[in-house]
């Protein structure tokens, strides 16, 4: 059971990549996002977000103990579960505009994939730079400290998307 939890915490092995494991974890997070958004239901999406947080907190806290390190760089489940949070503002805007749940393909069209890429890069920047209170959230115990900083980085991404939308620099 500990091996399985560690495998999950390390992002199905993506966290073992020697260079930029968080970026590789974010790529797996993009797959998780596409799976969640593919089900045309906001309820399923939110349930996936909640389950993702619960799994991340549990397995990343266990991974800290198993590896004997605080916030090991190989633990990337936090990036994986945070990526779908980065899309919340964009999803909400599309849902409000069209009156239905956006399909996964909406985020990967010729016109929108650059925005998806910008969103992912912004997430990595906020996760690495750790502006207030992202860095401070790492003081939380166990898996909460590992997971919360990525969720707060995703909140910063949503703020940026909201600002970009309000000044006309983001598709709706």
Protein backbone atom coordinates (compact mmCIF):
# COMPACT_ATOMS: atom_id res chain seq x y z
CA UNK A 1 0.00 0.00 0.00
CA UNK A 2 2.86 2.41 0.79
CA UNK A 3 4.39 1.77 -2.64
CA UNK A 4 1.10 2.59 -4.34
CA UNK A 5 0.70 5.78 -2.29
CA UNK A 6 4.26 6.82 -3.13
CA UNK A 7 3.64 6.10 -6.82
CA UNK A 8 0.54 8.32 -6.70
CA UNK A 9 2.39 11.03 -4.76
CA UNK A 10 5.15 10.96 -7.37
CA UNK A 11 2.62 11.55 -10.14
CA UNK A 12 2.57 8.03 -11.58
CA UNK A 13 6.34 8.26 -11.81
CA UNK A 14 6.50 11.69 -13.47
CA UNK A 15 8.01 13.17 -10.30
CA UNK A 16 11.07 10.97 -10.71
CA UNK A 17 12.18 12.88 -13.81
CA UNK A 18 15.56 14.40 -12.83
CA UNK A 19 14.88 17.85 -14.31
CA UNK A 20 11.76 19.96 -13.60
CA UNK A 21 9.60 17.24 -12.01
CA UNK A 22 6.92 19.83 -11.15
CA UNK A 23 6.56 20.72 -14.81
CA UNK A 24 6.15 17.06 -15.75
CA UNK A 25 3.61 16.71 -12.94
CA UNK A 26 1.76 19.70 -14.38
CA UNK A 27 1.60 17.91 -17.74
CA UNK A 28 -0.06 14.96 -16.01
CA UNK A 29 -2.31 17.56 -14.36
CA UNK A 30 -3.34 18.71 -17.82
CA UNK A 31 -4.42 15.15 -18.63
CA UNK A 32 -6.37 15.08 -15.34
CA UNK A 33 -8.02 18.38 -16.31
CA UNK A 34 -8.99 17.07 -19.76
CA UNK A 35 -10.48 13.93 -18.22
CA UNK A 36 -12.51 15.96 -15.72
CA UNK A 37 -13.76 18.53 -18.22
CA UNK A 38 -14.66 15.77 -20.71
CA UNK A 39 -17.60 14.77 -18.53
CA UNK A 40 -20.23 17.43 -19.25
CA UNK A 41 -21.04 18.11 -15.62
CA UNK A 42 -19.93 20.83 -13.26
CA UNK A 43 -20.85 18.53 -10.38
CA UNK A 44 -18.46 15.81 -11.59
CA UNK A 45 -15.74 18.43 -12.12
CA UNK A 46 -16.09 19.78 -8.58
CA UNK A 47 -16.20 16.26 -7.14
CA UNK A 48 -12.97 15.49 -9.04
CA UNK A 49 -11.38 18.61 -7.57
CA UNK A 50 -12.38 17.64 -4.03
CA UNK A 51 -11.26 14.03 -4.41
CA UNK A 52 -8.00 15.28 -5.92
CA UNK A 53 -7.32 17.47 -2.89
CA UNK A 54 -8.09 14.62 -0.49
CA UNK A 55 -5.81 12.21 -2.36
CA UNK A 56 -3.03 14.79 -2.63
CA UNK A 57 -3.09 15.68 1.06
CA UNK A 58 -3.11 12.03 2.09
CA UNK A 59 -0.46 10.60 -0.25
CA UNK A 60 1.89 13.58 -0.19
CA UNK A 61 1.88 13.57 3.61
CA UNK A 62 2.63 9.86 3.58
CA UNK A 63 5.36 10.36 0.97
CA UNK A 64 7.05 12.91 3.23
CA UNK A 65 7.23 10.30 5.97
CA UNK A 66 8.33 7.47 3.66
CA UNK A 67 11.05 9.57 2.01
CA UNK A 68 12.08 11.31 5.24
CA UNK A 69 12.00 14.76 3.61
CA UNK A 70 9.84 17.85 3.90
CA UNK A 71 8.07 18.52 0.58
CA UNK A 72 10.23 16.21 -1.56
CA UNK A 73 10.70 17.45 -5.13
CA UNK A 74 9.61 14.06 -6.47
CA UNK A 75 6.12 14.56 -4.97
CA UNK A 76 4.11 16.17 -7.77
CA UNK A 77 0.56 15.03 -7.03
CA UNK A 78 -0.03 18.57 -5.75
CA UNK A 79 0.72 20.00 -9.20
CA UNK A 80 -1.51 17.38 -10.80
CA UNK A 81 -4.54 18.21 -8.68
CA UNK A 82 -3.98 21.99 -8.88
CA UNK A 83 -3.96 22.26 -12.68
CA UNK A 84 -7.75 21.78 -13.07
CA UNK A 85 -8.25 24.59 -10.53
CA UNK A 86 -6.35 26.92 -12.87
CA UNK A 87 -9.15 26.62 -15.43
CA UNK A 88 -12.08 27.52 -13.14
CA UNK A 89 -12.47 31.15 -14.25
CA UNK A 90 -12.22 30.26 -17.93
CA UNK A 91 -14.72 27.39 -17.55
CA UNK A 92 -17.15 29.64 -15.68
CA UNK A 93 -16.92 32.34 -18.37
CA UNK A 94 -17.57 29.82 -21.14
CA UNK A 95 -20.44 28.25 -19.24
CA UNK A 96 -22.05 31.64 -18.63
CA UNK A 97 -21.59 32.70 -22.25
CA UNK A 98 -22.86 29.54 -23.95
CA UNK A 99 -25.15 28.11 -21.29
CA UNK A 100 -23.55 24.67 -21.30
CA UNK A 101 -20.46 22.88 -20.08
CA UNK A 102 -17.45 23.41 -22.38
CA UNK A 103 -15.93 20.32 -23.99
CA UNK A 104 -12.29 19.43 -23.50
CA UNK A 105 -11.59 20.31 -27.12
CA UNK A 106 -12.49 23.96 -26.49
CA UNK A 107 -9.19 24.39 -24.65
CA UNK A 108 -7.11 22.79 -27.42
CA UNK A 109 -8.34 24.47 -30.60
CA UNK A 110 -6.01 26.34 -32.92
CA UNK A 111 -7.19 29.62 -31.36
CA UNK A 112 -7.22 28.57 -27.70
CA UNK A 113 -4.23 26.27 -27.18
CA UNK A 114 -1.86 29.27 -26.75
CA UNK A 115 -4.05 30.47 -23.86
CA UNK A 116 -3.99 27.01 -22.32
CA UNK A 117 -0.19 27.07 -22.58
CA UNK A 118 -0.03 30.55 -21.02
CA UNK A 119 -2.24 29.33 -18.19
CA UNK A 120 0.08 26.38 -17.49
CA UNK A 121 3.20 28.55 -17.66
CA UNK A 122 1.60 31.07 -15.28
CA UNK A 123 0.82 28.24 -12.88
CA UNK A 124 4.45 27.09 -12.92
CA UNK A 125 5.67 30.67 -12.42
CA UNK A 126 3.42 31.22 -9.39
CA UNK A 127 4.29 27.78 -8.02
CA UNK A 128 8.03 28.45 -8.31
CA UNK A 129 7.99 32.15 -7.29
CA UNK A 130 5.63 31.49 -4.36
CA UNK A 131 4.27 35.02 -3.79
CA UNK A 132 2.44 35.76 -0.54
CA UNK A 133 0.67 33.64 0.84
CA UNK A 134 1.81 30.74 -1.35
CA UNK A 135 5.17 30.34 0.43
CA UNK A 136 3.61 30.79 3.87
CA UNK A 137 1.10 27.99 3.22
CA UNK A 138 3.97 25.50 3.10
CA UNK A 139 4.15 25.80 6.89
CA UNK A 140 0.95 23.77 7.16
CA UNK A 141 1.53 20.26 8.43
CA UNK A 142 2.11 17.27 6.20
CA UNK A 143 0.21 16.96 2.98
CA UNK A 144 -1.68 20.20 3.59
CA UNK A 145 1.52 22.23 3.27
CA UNK A 146 2.45 20.43 0.08
CA UNK A 147 -0.99 20.78 -1.51
CA UNK A 148 -2.07 24.25 -0.34
CA UNK A 149 0.75 26.15 -2.04
CA UNK A 150 -0.23 24.76 -5.44
CA UNK A 151 -3.90 25.53 -4.88
CA UNK A 152 -2.96 29.11 -3.99
CA UNK A 153 -0.76 29.32 -7.10
CA UNK A 154 -3.83 28.21 -9.08
CA UNK A 155 -5.84 30.98 -7.37
CA UNK A 156 -3.28 33.52 -8.65
CA UNK A 157 -3.68 32.08 -12.15
CA UNK A 158 -7.46 32.53 -11.92
CA UNK A 159 -6.98 36.14 -10.83
CA UNK A 160 -4.75 36.75 -13.85
CA UNK A 161 -7.30 35.13 -16.19
CA UNK A 162 -10.05 37.26 -14.67
CA UNK A 163 -8.02 40.45 -15.21
CA UNK A 164 -7.11 39.36 -18.76
CA UNK A 165 -10.79 38.70 -19.51
CA UNK A 166 -11.87 42.04 -18.09
CA UNK A 167 -9.49 43.93 -20.39
CA UNK A 168 -10.25 41.78 -23.43
CA UNK A 169 -7.04 39.73 -23.60
CA UNK A 170 -8.60 36.32 -22.95
CA UNK A 171 -11.15 34.36 -25.00
CA UNK A 172 -14.59 33.74 -23.54
